[in-house]
């Protein structure tokens, strides 16, 4: 099973986890940008009590954070 992030909600928390997991393959500036996007997606997901149907072909930063 692939490890994903827990219930981190802030972009900073998501960034910290993504940096540990993906810093070897994704540039830092991109991790920061994607963590902000992931935080917004997770906020809407929680507000609407939604589930995100993702696929492992998604780019890594979003695959592991939403």
N, C-alpha and C. Protein backbone atom coordinates (compact mmCIF):
# COMPACT_ATOMS: atom_id res chain seq x y z
N UNK A 1 0.84 -1.18 0.00
CA UNK A 1 0.00 0.00 0.00
C UNK A 1 0.89 1.24 0.00
N UNK A 2 0.48 2.25 -0.73
CA UNK A 2 1.23 3.49 -0.83
C UNK A 2 0.82 4.41 0.31
N UNK A 3 1.81 4.95 1.00
CA UNK A 3 1.52 5.88 2.09
C UNK A 3 1.06 7.21 1.51
N UNK A 4 0.01 7.76 2.10
CA UNK A 4 -0.45 9.10 1.72
C UNK A 4 -0.45 9.96 2.97
N UNK A 5 -0.69 11.23 2.79
CA UNK A 5 -0.69 12.13 3.93
C UNK A 5 -1.91 11.89 4.79
N UNK A 6 -1.80 12.28 6.05
CA UNK A 6 -2.91 12.15 6.97
C UNK A 6 -3.90 13.28 6.77
N UNK A 7 -4.36 13.86 7.85
CA UNK A 7 -5.38 14.90 7.76
C UNK A 7 -4.78 16.30 7.88
N UNK A 8 -3.56 16.47 7.40
CA UNK A 8 -2.95 17.79 7.41
C UNK A 8 -3.85 18.74 6.61
N UNK A 9 -4.07 19.93 7.15
CA UNK A 9 -4.97 20.83 6.47
C UNK A 9 -4.28 22.07 5.94
N UNK A 10 -3.22 22.52 6.57
CA UNK A 10 -2.58 23.74 6.09
C UNK A 10 -1.58 23.42 4.99
N UNK A 11 -1.37 24.41 4.14
CA UNK A 11 -0.41 24.24 3.05
C UNK A 11 0.98 23.97 3.62
N UNK A 12 1.32 24.58 4.75
CA UNK A 12 2.63 24.36 5.36
C UNK A 12 2.80 22.92 5.84
N UNK A 13 1.77 22.36 6.44
CA UNK A 13 1.84 20.97 6.88
C UNK A 13 1.98 20.02 5.70
N UNK A 14 1.21 20.28 4.66
CA UNK A 14 1.29 19.44 3.47
C UNK A 14 2.66 19.57 2.83
N UNK A 15 3.17 20.80 2.74
CA UNK A 15 4.50 21.03 2.17
C UNK A 15 5.57 20.24 2.93
N UNK A 16 5.52 20.30 4.26
CA UNK A 16 6.52 19.59 5.07
C UNK A 16 6.52 18.10 4.76
N UNK A 17 5.35 17.51 4.64
CA UNK A 17 5.27 16.08 4.35
C UNK A 17 5.70 15.77 2.91
N UNK A 18 5.29 16.60 1.97
CA UNK A 18 5.69 16.38 0.58
C UNK A 18 7.19 16.51 0.41
N UNK A 19 7.79 17.44 1.13
CA UNK A 19 9.24 17.64 1.04
C UNK A 19 9.97 16.37 1.47
N UNK A 20 9.51 15.74 2.53
CA UNK A 20 10.12 14.49 2.99
C UNK A 20 9.96 13.40 1.94
N UNK A 21 8.77 13.31 1.35
CA UNK A 21 8.47 12.22 0.43
C UNK A 21 9.02 12.43 -0.98
N UNK A 22 9.06 13.69 -1.44
CA UNK A 22 9.30 13.91 -2.87
C UNK A 22 10.44 14.87 -3.20
N UNK A 23 11.21 15.32 -2.22
CA UNK A 23 12.24 16.33 -2.50
C UNK A 23 13.29 15.85 -3.49
N UNK A 24 13.47 14.55 -3.63
CA UNK A 24 14.46 14.03 -4.58
C UNK A 24 13.97 14.10 -6.03
N UNK A 25 12.67 14.21 -6.24
CA UNK A 25 12.15 14.16 -7.60
C UNK A 25 11.35 15.39 -8.03
N UNK A 26 10.92 16.21 -7.08
CA UNK A 26 10.12 17.39 -7.40
C UNK A 26 10.82 18.62 -6.83
N UNK A 27 11.02 19.67 -7.64
CA UNK A 27 11.68 20.89 -7.16
C UNK A 27 10.90 21.55 -6.02
N UNK A 28 11.63 22.22 -5.14
CA UNK A 28 11.04 22.84 -3.96
C UNK A 28 9.93 23.83 -4.32
N UNK A 29 10.17 24.70 -5.32
CA UNK A 29 9.15 25.69 -5.68
C UNK A 29 7.85 25.02 -6.11
N UNK A 30 7.97 23.88 -6.76
CA UNK A 30 6.77 23.16 -7.21
C UNK A 30 6.05 22.51 -6.02
N UNK A 31 6.81 22.00 -5.06
CA UNK A 31 6.18 21.43 -3.86
C UNK A 31 5.39 22.50 -3.11
N UNK A 32 5.95 23.70 -3.03
CA UNK A 32 5.23 24.79 -2.34
C UNK A 32 3.93 25.14 -3.07
N UNK A 33 4.02 25.26 -4.38
CA UNK A 33 2.84 25.59 -5.17
C UNK A 33 1.78 24.49 -5.06
N UNK A 34 2.20 23.24 -5.19
CA UNK A 34 1.26 22.12 -5.14
C UNK A 34 0.66 21.94 -3.75
N UNK A 35 1.42 22.28 -2.71
CA UNK A 35 0.87 22.15 -1.36
C UNK A 35 -0.27 23.14 -1.14
N UNK A 36 -0.16 24.33 -1.74
CA UNK A 36 -1.25 25.30 -1.63
C UNK A 36 -2.49 24.81 -2.38
N UNK A 37 -2.28 24.25 -3.55
CA UNK A 37 -3.39 23.69 -4.33
C UNK A 37 -4.04 22.54 -3.56
N UNK A 38 -3.22 21.66 -3.01
CA UNK A 38 -3.75 20.51 -2.27
C UNK A 38 -4.54 20.95 -1.04
N UNK A 39 -4.06 21.99 -0.36
CA UNK A 39 -4.78 22.49 0.82
C UNK A 39 -6.17 22.99 0.43
N UNK A 40 -6.26 23.69 -0.71
CA UNK A 40 -7.56 24.18 -1.17
C UNK A 40 -8.48 23.02 -1.57
N UNK A 41 -7.92 22.04 -2.26
CA UNK A 41 -8.71 20.87 -2.65
C UNK A 41 -9.22 20.14 -1.41
N UNK A 42 -8.34 19.95 -0.42
CA UNK A 42 -8.74 19.26 0.80
C UNK A 42 -9.79 20.04 1.58
N UNK A 43 -9.71 21.37 1.53
CA UNK A 43 -10.71 22.20 2.22
C UNK A 43 -12.08 22.00 1.58
N UNK A 44 -12.15 22.07 0.26
CA UNK A 44 -13.42 21.86 -0.45
C UNK A 44 -13.91 20.43 -0.24
N UNK A 45 -13.00 19.48 -0.25
CA UNK A 45 -13.36 18.08 -0.03
C UNK A 45 -14.03 17.92 1.34
N UNK A 46 -13.49 18.56 2.36
CA UNK A 46 -14.06 18.48 3.70
C UNK A 46 -15.41 19.20 3.78
N UNK A 47 -15.49 20.38 3.16
CA UNK A 47 -16.74 21.15 3.19
C UNK A 47 -17.89 20.40 2.53
N UNK A 48 -17.61 19.71 1.47
CA UNK A 48 -18.65 19.02 0.71
C UNK A 48 -18.77 17.54 1.06
N UNK A 49 -17.96 17.11 2.05
CA UNK A 49 -17.95 15.70 2.45
C UNK A 49 -17.76 14.81 1.22
N UNK A 50 -16.77 15.17 0.41
CA UNK A 50 -16.54 14.51 -0.87
C UNK A 50 -15.38 13.52 -0.79
N UNK A 51 -15.31 12.69 -1.79
CA UNK A 51 -14.21 11.75 -1.98
C UNK A 51 -13.55 12.10 -3.30
N UNK A 52 -12.24 12.10 -3.33
CA UNK A 52 -11.51 12.36 -4.57
C UNK A 52 -11.13 11.03 -5.20
N UNK A 53 -11.57 10.82 -6.40
CA UNK A 53 -11.20 9.62 -7.13
C UNK A 53 -9.95 9.96 -7.93
N UNK A 54 -8.82 9.45 -7.49
CA UNK A 54 -7.56 9.73 -8.15
C UNK A 54 -6.98 8.48 -8.76
N UNK A 55 -5.97 8.68 -9.54
CA UNK A 55 -5.31 7.56 -10.21
C UNK A 55 -3.81 7.71 -10.02
N UNK A 56 -3.10 6.61 -10.02
CA UNK A 56 -1.66 6.69 -9.80
C UNK A 56 -0.91 7.35 -10.95
N UNK A 57 -1.60 7.70 -12.03
CA UNK A 57 -0.96 8.46 -13.11
C UNK A 57 -0.94 9.95 -12.80
N UNK A 58 -1.60 10.35 -11.73
CA UNK A 58 -1.57 11.76 -11.33
C UNK A 58 -0.14 12.14 -10.98
N UNK A 59 0.17 13.43 -11.09
CA UNK A 59 1.52 13.83 -10.72
C UNK A 59 1.71 13.63 -9.21
N UNK A 60 2.92 13.30 -8.77
CA UNK A 60 3.17 12.82 -7.41
C UNK A 60 2.70 13.74 -6.29
N UNK A 61 2.95 15.04 -6.39
CA UNK A 61 2.61 15.93 -5.28
C UNK A 61 1.12 15.91 -4.97
N UNK A 62 0.29 15.90 -5.99
CA UNK A 62 -1.15 15.85 -5.74
C UNK A 62 -1.63 14.45 -5.42
N UNK A 63 -1.04 13.45 -6.04
CA UNK A 63 -1.42 12.07 -5.75
C UNK A 63 -1.28 11.76 -4.26
N UNK A 64 -0.21 12.23 -3.65
CA UNK A 64 0.06 11.93 -2.25
C UNK A 64 -0.62 12.88 -1.27
N UNK A 65 -1.24 13.95 -1.75
CA UNK A 65 -1.73 14.95 -0.80
C UNK A 65 -3.23 15.20 -0.82
N UNK A 66 -3.96 14.64 -1.77
CA UNK A 66 -5.41 14.89 -1.76
C UNK A 66 -6.19 13.61 -1.57
